[in-house]
C-alpha atoms as a PDB file:
ATOM      1  CA  UNK A   1      17.401  -6.331  12.542  1.00  0.00           C
ATOM      2  CA  UNK A   2      19.799  -5.210  15.262  1.00  0.00           C
ATOM      3  CA  UNK A   3      19.685  -1.673  14.115  1.00  0.00           C
ATOM      4  CA  UNK A   4      16.023  -1.540  14.336  1.00  0.00           C
ATOM      5  CA  UNK A   5      13.375  -1.600  17.114  1.00  0.00           C
ATOM      6  CA  UNK A   6      11.508  -4.426  15.359  1.00  0.00           C
ATOM      7  CA  UNK A   7      10.209  -6.965  17.881  1.00  0.00           C
ATOM      8  CA  UNK A   8       8.419 -10.055  16.576  1.00  0.00           C
ATOM      9  CA  UNK A   9       7.006 -10.889  19.881  1.00  0.00           C
ATOM     10  CA  UNK A  10       6.658  -7.420  21.094  1.00  0.00           C
ATOM     11  CA  UNK A  11       3.958  -4.595  21.142  1.00  0.00           C
ATOM     12  CA  UNK A  12       2.934  -3.828  17.569  1.00  0.00           C
ATOM     13  CA  UNK A  13       2.190  -0.275  18.567  1.00  0.00           C
ATOM     14  CA  UNK A  14       5.705   0.461  19.678  1.00  0.00           C
ATOM     15  CA  UNK A  15       6.699   3.390  17.623  1.00  0.00           C
ATOM     16  CA  UNK A  16       8.667   6.477  16.773  1.00  0.00           C
ATOM     17  CA  UNK A  17       6.178   9.319  16.664  1.00  0.00           C
ATOM     18  CA  UNK A  18       5.340  13.078  16.450  1.00  0.00           C
ATOM     19  CA  UNK A  19       3.835  14.377  19.716  1.00  0.00           C
ATOM     20  CA  UNK A  20       1.118  17.020  20.021  1.00  0.00           C
ATOM     21  CA  UNK A  21      -0.323  19.171  22.744  1.00  0.00           C
ATOM     22  CA  UNK A  22      -2.360  22.243  23.490  1.00  0.00           C
ATOM     23  CA  UNK A  23       0.266  23.733  25.800  1.00  0.00           C
ATOM     24  CA  UNK A  24       2.472  26.618  25.099  1.00  0.00           C
ATOM     25  CA  UNK A  25       3.524  26.844  21.458  1.00  0.00           C
ATOM     26  CA  UNK A  26       2.870  23.229  20.597  1.00  0.00           C
ATOM     27  CA  UNK A  27       0.377  22.165  17.972  1.00  0.00           C
ATOM     28  CA  UNK A  28      -2.662  20.076  18.041  1.00  0.00           C
ATOM     29  CA  UNK A  29      -2.847  16.924  15.789  1.00  0.00           C
ATOM     30  CA  UNK A  30      -3.924  18.021  12.370  1.00  0.00           C
ATOM     31  CA  UNK A  31      -4.994  14.643  11.403  1.00  0.00           C
ATOM     32  CA  UNK A  32      -7.831  14.404  14.038  1.00  0.00           C
ATOM     33  CA  UNK A  33     -11.247  14.885  12.846  1.00  0.00           C
ATOM     34  CA  UNK A  34     -14.367  14.284  14.728  1.00  0.00           C
ATOM     35  CA  UNK A  35     -17.183  11.971  13.620  1.00  0.00           C
ATOM     36  CA  UNK A  36     -19.891  13.394  11.452  1.00  0.00           C
ATOM     37  CA  UNK A  37     -17.977  16.378  10.166  1.00  0.00           C
ATOM     38  CA  UNK A  38     -19.407  18.529   7.314  1.00  0.00           C
ATOM     39  CA  UNK A  39     -18.171  18.108   3.839  1.00  0.00           C
ATOM     40  CA  UNK A  40     -15.061  20.426   4.350  1.00  0.00           C
ATOM     41  CA  UNK A  41     -13.722  18.668   7.436  1.00  0.00           C
ATOM     42  CA  UNK A  42     -14.911  15.023   6.796  1.00  0.00           C
ATOM     43  CA  UNK A  43     -12.581  12.135   5.963  1.00  0.00           C
ATOM     44  CA  UNK A  44     -14.522   9.336   4.391  1.00  0.00           C
ATOM     45  CA  UNK A  45     -13.347   5.791   3.982  1.00  0.00           C
ATOM     46  CA  UNK A  46     -13.661   4.412   0.540  1.00  0.00           C
ATOM     47  CA  UNK A  47     -16.589   1.774   0.598  1.00  0.00           C
ATOM     48  CA  UNK A  48     -14.200  -0.897  -0.634  1.00  0.00           C
ATOM     49  CA  UNK A  49     -12.321  -0.656   2.715  1.00  0.00           C
ATOM     50  CA  UNK A  50     -15.451  -1.735   4.530  1.00  0.00           C
ATOM     51  CA  UNK A  51     -16.416  -4.370   1.816  1.00  0.00           C
ATOM     52  CA  UNK A  52     -13.017  -6.022   1.519  1.00  0.00           C
ATOM     53  CA  UNK A  53     -12.580  -6.344   5.318  1.00  0.00           C
ATOM     54  CA  UNK A  54     -12.050  -9.975   6.391  1.00  0.00           C
ATOM     55  CA  UNK A  55     -14.746 -11.274   8.891  1.00  0.00           C
ATOM     56  CA  UNK A  56     -13.597 -10.518  12.454  1.00  0.00           C
ATOM     57  CA  UNK A  57     -10.852  -8.178  11.526  1.00  0.00           C
ATOM     58  CA  UNK A  58     -10.354  -5.695  14.559  1.00  0.00           C
ATOM     59  CA  UNK A  59      -8.767  -3.002  12.232  1.00  0.00           C
ATOM     60  CA  UNK A  60     -12.263  -2.187  11.047  1.00  0.00           C
ATOM     61  CA  UNK A  61     -12.312   0.004  14.196  1.00  0.00           C
ATOM     62  CA  UNK A  62     -10.415   2.706  12.147  1.00  0.00           C
ATOM     63  CA  UNK A  63     -13.708   3.651  10.639  1.00  0.00           C
ATOM     64  CA  UNK A  64     -16.786   4.790  12.345  1.00  0.00           C
ATOM     65  CA  UNK A  65     -20.314   4.843  10.679  1.00  0.00           C
ATOM     66  CA  UNK A  66     -21.746   8.240  10.181  1.00  0.00           C
ATOM     67  CA  UNK A  67     -25.272   9.322  11.263  1.00  0.00           C
ATOM     68  CA  UNK A  68     -26.019   9.923   7.483  1.00  0.00           C
ATOM     69  CA  UNK A  69     -24.313   9.385   4.067  1.00  0.00           C
ATOM     70  CA  UNK A  70     -22.214  12.204   3.069  1.00  0.00           C
ATOM     71  CA  UNK A  71     -22.115  12.984  -0.743  1.00  0.00           C
ATOM     72  CA  UNK A  72     -19.873  15.503  -2.487  1.00  0.00           C
ATOM     73  CA  UNK A  73     -19.064  15.645  -6.254  1.00  0.00           C
ATOM     74  CA  UNK A  74     -20.850  12.390  -7.070  1.00  0.00           C
ATOM     75  CA  UNK A  75     -18.893  10.543  -4.320  1.00  0.00           C
ATOM     76  CA  UNK A  76     -20.738   9.100  -1.227  1.00  0.00           C
ATOM     77  CA  UNK A  77     -19.672   7.408   1.950  1.00  0.00           C
ATOM     78  CA  UNK A  78     -21.105   6.511   5.219  1.00  0.00           C
ATOM     79  CA  UNK A  79     -17.979   5.713   7.248  1.00  0.00           C
ATOM     80  CA  UNK A  80     -15.585   8.332   8.689  1.00  0.00           C
ATOM     81  CA  UNK A  81     -11.871   7.657   9.011  1.00  0.00           C
ATOM     82  CA  UNK A  82     -11.373   7.625  12.754  1.00  0.00           C
ATOM     83  CA  UNK A  83      -7.716   6.764  13.544  1.00  0.00           C
ATOM     84  CA  UNK A  84      -7.163   9.413  16.251  1.00  0.00           C
ATOM     85  CA  UNK A  85      -9.276   9.903  19.224  1.00  0.00           C
ATOM     86  CA  UNK A  86      -8.497  13.404  20.098  1.00  0.00           C
ATOM     87  CA  UNK A  87      -6.227  16.453  19.178  1.00  0.00           C
ATOM     88  CA  UNK A  88      -3.338  15.465  21.288  1.00  0.00           C
ATOM     89  CA  UNK A  89      -2.829  11.910  20.063  1.00  0.00           C
ATOM     90  CA  UNK A  90       0.574  11.104  18.815  1.00  0.00           C
ATOM     91  CA  UNK A  91       0.937  10.236  15.050  1.00  0.00           C
ATOM     92  CA  UNK A  92       3.388   7.420  14.342  1.00  0.00           C
ATOM     93  CA  UNK A  93       6.165   7.915  11.972  1.00  0.00           C
ATOM     94  CA  UNK A  94       6.820   4.127  11.869  1.00  0.00           C
ATOM     95  CA  UNK A  95       5.440   1.417  14.211  1.00  0.00           C
ATOM     96  CA  UNK A  96       6.666  -2.138  15.010  1.00  0.00           C
ATOM     97  CA  UNK A  97       3.599  -3.487  13.128  1.00  0.00           C
ATOM     98  CA  UNK A  98       5.075  -1.856   9.860  1.00  0.00           C
ATOM     99  CA  UNK A  99       8.477  -3.216  10.639  1.00  0.00           C
ATOM    100  CA  UNK A 100       7.115  -6.874  10.987  1.00  0.00           C
ATOM    101  CA  UNK A 101       5.232  -6.323   7.618  1.00  0.00           C
ATOM    102  CA  UNK A 102       8.395  -5.090   5.964  1.00  0.00           C
ATOM    103  CA  UNK A 103      10.144  -8.137   7.361  1.00  0.00           C
ATOM    104  CA  UNK A 104       7.643 -10.388   5.777  1.00  0.00           C
ATOM    105  CA  UNK A 105       8.069  -8.672   2.534  1.00  0.00           C
ATOM    106  CA  UNK A 106      11.885  -8.898   2.649  1.00  0.00           C
ATOM    107  CA  UNK A 107      11.582 -12.611   3.275  1.00  0.00           C
ATOM    108  CA  UNK A 108       8.601 -13.561   1.023  1.00  0.00           C
ATOM    109  CA  UNK A 109      10.976 -15.051  -1.741  1.00  0.00           C
ATOM    110  CA  UNK A 110      13.931 -16.406   0.237  1.00  0.00           C
ATOM    111  CA  UNK A 111      12.121 -17.795   3.245  1.00  0.00           C
ATOM    112  CA  UNK A 112       8.443 -17.961   2.688  1.00  0.00           C
ATOM    113  CA  UNK A 113       7.715 -19.901   5.939  1.00  0.00           C
ATOM    114  CA  UNK A 114       9.290 -17.100   8.054  1.00  0.00           C
ATOM    115  CA  UNK A 115       7.244 -14.559   5.997  1.00  0.00           C
ATOM    116  CA  UNK A 116       4.176 -16.460   6.896  1.00  0.00           C
ATOM    117  CA  UNK A 117       5.112 -16.571  10.564  1.00  0.00           C
ATOM    118  CA  UNK A 118       5.449 -12.652  10.387  1.00  0.00           C
ATOM    119  CA  UNK A 119       2.194 -12.340   8.546  1.00  0.00           C
ATOM    120  CA  UNK A 120       0.440 -14.464  11.254  1.00  0.00           C
ATOM    121  CA  UNK A 121       1.769 -12.161  13.893  1.00  0.00           C
ATOM    122  CA  UNK A 122      -0.167  -9.289  12.185  1.00  0.00           C
ATOM    123  CA  UNK A 123      -3.163 -11.339  11.396  1.00  0.00           C
ATOM    124  CA  UNK A 124      -3.461 -12.677  15.071  1.00  0.00           C
ATOM    125  CA  UNK A 125      -3.089  -9.262  16.399  1.00  0.00           C
ATOM    126  CA  UNK A 126      -6.132  -8.188  14.333  1.00  0.00           C
ATOM    127  CA  UNK A 127      -8.176 -11.063  15.778  1.00  0.00           C
ATOM    128  CA  UNK A 128      -7.899 -13.134  12.563  1.00  0.00           C
ATOM    129  CA  UNK A 129      -6.858 -16.795  12.081  1.00  0.00           C
ATOM    130  CA  UNK A 130      -3.455 -17.859  10.704  1.00  0.00           C
ATOM    131  CA  UNK A 131      -2.825 -17.330   6.969  1.00  0.00           C
ATOM    132  CA  UNK A 132      -3.907 -20.476   5.057  1.00  0.00           C
ATOM    133  CA  UNK A 133      -3.093 -19.279   1.499  1.00  0.00           C
ATOM    134  CA  UNK A 134      -0.187 -20.427  -0.749  1.00  0.00           C
ATOM    135  CA  UNK A 135       3.410 -19.664  -0.228  1.00  0.00           C
ATOM    136  CA  UNK A 136       4.362 -18.570  -3.720  1.00  0.00           C
ATOM    137  CA  UNK A 137       5.880 -15.049  -4.000  1.00  0.00           C
ATOM    138  CA  UNK A 138       2.793 -13.603  -5.740  1.00  0.00           C
ATOM    139  CA  UNK A 139       0.430 -15.166  -3.186  1.00  0.00           C
ATOM    140  CA  UNK A 140       2.474 -13.917  -0.302  1.00  0.00           C
ATOM    141  CA  UNK A 141       2.646 -10.398  -1.862  1.00  0.00           C
ATOM    142  CA  UNK A 142      -1.180 -10.418  -2.203  1.00  0.00           C
ATOM    143  CA  UNK A 143      -1.456 -11.261   1.550  1.00  0.00           C
ATOM    144  CA  UNK A 144       1.254  -8.697   2.589  1.00  0.00           C
ATOM    145  CA  UNK A 145      -0.548  -6.017   0.657  1.00  0.00           C
ATOM    146  CA  UNK A 146      -3.946  -6.808   2.222  1.00  0.00           C
ATOM    147  CA  UNK A 147      -2.347  -6.770   5.766  1.00  0.00           C
ATOM    148  CA  UNK A 148      -0.605  -3.365   5.130  1.00  0.00           C
ATOM    149  CA  UNK A 149      -3.782  -1.963   3.664  1.00  0.00           C
ATOM    150  CA  UNK A 150      -5.615  -2.595   7.038  1.00  0.00           C
ATOM    151  CA  UNK A 151      -2.767  -2.240   9.453  1.00  0.00           C
ATOM    152  CA  UNK A 152      -1.513   1.047   8.009  1.00  0.00           C
ATOM    153  CA  UNK A 153      -4.791   2.471   6.925  1.00  0.00           C
ATOM    154  CA  UNK A 154      -4.843   6.308   7.034  1.00  0.00           C
ATOM    155  CA  UNK A 155      -1.270   6.499   8.308  1.00  0.00           C
ATOM    156  CA  UNK A 156       0.541   8.084   5.565  1.00  0.00           C
ATOM    157  CA  UNK A 157      -0.407   7.095   1.986  1.00  0.00           C
ATOM    158  CA  UNK A 158       0.910   3.652   2.283  1.00  0.00           C
ATOM    159  CA  UNK A 159      -1.707   2.025   0.081  1.00  0.00           C
ATOM    160  CA  UNK A 160      -0.931   4.208  -2.941  1.00  0.00           C
ATOM    161  CA  UNK A 161       2.827   3.748  -2.416  1.00  0.00           C
ATOM    162  CA  UNK A 162       2.451  -0.059  -2.069  1.00  0.00           C
ATOM    163  CA  UNK A 163       0.388  -0.381  -5.139  1.00  0.00           C
ATOM    164  CA  UNK A 164       2.767   1.653  -7.072  1.00  0.00           C
ATOM    165  CA  UNK A 165       5.640  -0.338  -5.883  1.00  0.00           C
ATOM    166  CA  UNK A 166       4.175  -3.614  -7.107  1.00  0.00           C
ATOM    167  CA  UNK A 167       2.805  -2.032 -10.383  1.00  0.00           C
ATOM    168  CA  UNK A 168      -0.887  -2.461  -9.304  1.00  0.00           C
ATOM    169  CA  UNK A 169      -2.109   1.008  -9.386  1.00  0.00           C
ATOM    170  CA  UNK A 170      -4.809  -0.134 -11.812  1.00  0.00           C
ATOM    171  CA  UNK A 171      -6.288  -2.138  -9.024  1.00  0.00           C
ATOM    172  CA  UNK A 172      -7.139   0.959  -6.886  1.00  0.00           C
ATOM    173  CA  UNK A 173     -10.802   2.192  -7.145  1.00  0.00           C
ATOM    174  CA  UNK A 174     -11.548   4.804  -9.714  1.00  0.00           C
ATOM    175  CA  UNK A 175     -15.224   5.771  -9.019  1.00  0.00           C
ATOM    176  CA  UNK A 176     -15.834   8.610 -11.579  1.00  0.00           C
ATOM    177  CA  UNK A 177     -15.270   8.857 -15.245  1.00  0.00           C
ATOM    178  CA  UNK A 178     -12.431  11.201 -15.982  1.00  0.00           C
ATOM    179  CA  UNK A 179     -10.731  10.672 -12.596  1.00  0.00           C
ATOM    180  CA  UNK A 180      -7.127   9.384 -12.562  1.00  0.00           C
ATOM    181  CA  UNK A 181      -5.045   7.281 -10.463  1.00  0.00           C
ATOM    182  CA  UNK A 182      -1.687   8.968 -10.923  1.00  0.00           C
ATOM    183  CA  UNK A 183       1.484   7.103 -11.256  1.00  0.00           C
ATOM    184  CA  UNK A 184       3.356  10.004  -9.691  1.00  0.00           C
ATOM    185  CA  UNK A 185       2.928  13.367  -8.101  1.00  0.00           C
ATOM    186  CA  UNK A 186       3.877  16.367 -10.017  1.00  0.00           C
ATOM    187  CA  UNK A 187       6.803  18.438  -9.023  1.00  0.00           C
ATOM    188  CA  UNK A 188       5.456  21.657  -7.295  1.00  0.00           C
ATOM    189  CA  UNK A 189       6.149  24.853  -9.421  1.00  0.00           C
ATOM    190  CA  UNK A 190       8.192  26.292  -6.605  1.00  0.00           C
ATOM    191  CA  UNK A 191      10.505  23.299  -6.755  1.00  0.00           C
ATOM    192  CA  UNK A 192      10.651  23.292 -10.565  1.00  0.00           C
ATOM    193  CA  UNK A 193      13.760  25.581 -10.916  1.00  0.00           C
END
C-alpha cells in the first residue's frame, strides 16, 4: 500500500487523471455527451443498471432520465449515461475508490473482515448501509462486483473486464437473438502482422 495513493479514510475521488481544455491546442473531453442527444451521439444506460440499483444508492446519479425513450436496432432506453458535466471535465485513469475496491478484492479470501471494512467504505460513500451478507469468498466477490459495477460505471469498460476475470460473462445482458457477449476482442488487422 505504501507505493500507492490508496487512502481508506481519504477522498474516494482522489485520482490520477487526463485533463481537458478548450485552450490552445488542448482537446475537449471526448466522453462528454449532453442529455437527450440523438441516436448518433447518445450514450444510453442498460435498463438493468437502473433496475439493479440498491435503494438509496447515490451512484444512480450517473444516469439521467431522457425526455423520451430512444430506440435503435430494436434496443430501447430512457436513461442517458451522464458521468461528465461538461467538455472540460477531467477523466480519471484510476481513483482512490477503485483502489479501495481492489484492496477488498485482494483480501476477500485471506482477511474477509478487512475486505468487508473496505466494502463498507464504498457502500457508505454511496449512502448505503453496511454490508450484511456472508463472508465466504463467493459472497464477497458478488458484493465486490456489485460495488465495482456502480462505482466504476462508464469509466473504462470495467464491468466487462470484471465479469471476464471471474468467468461470469454469461451473466451479462444479451438483449437480442444473434448478439454475442465476446470473450475477447479481436486483434485489429493492422496489428496482425
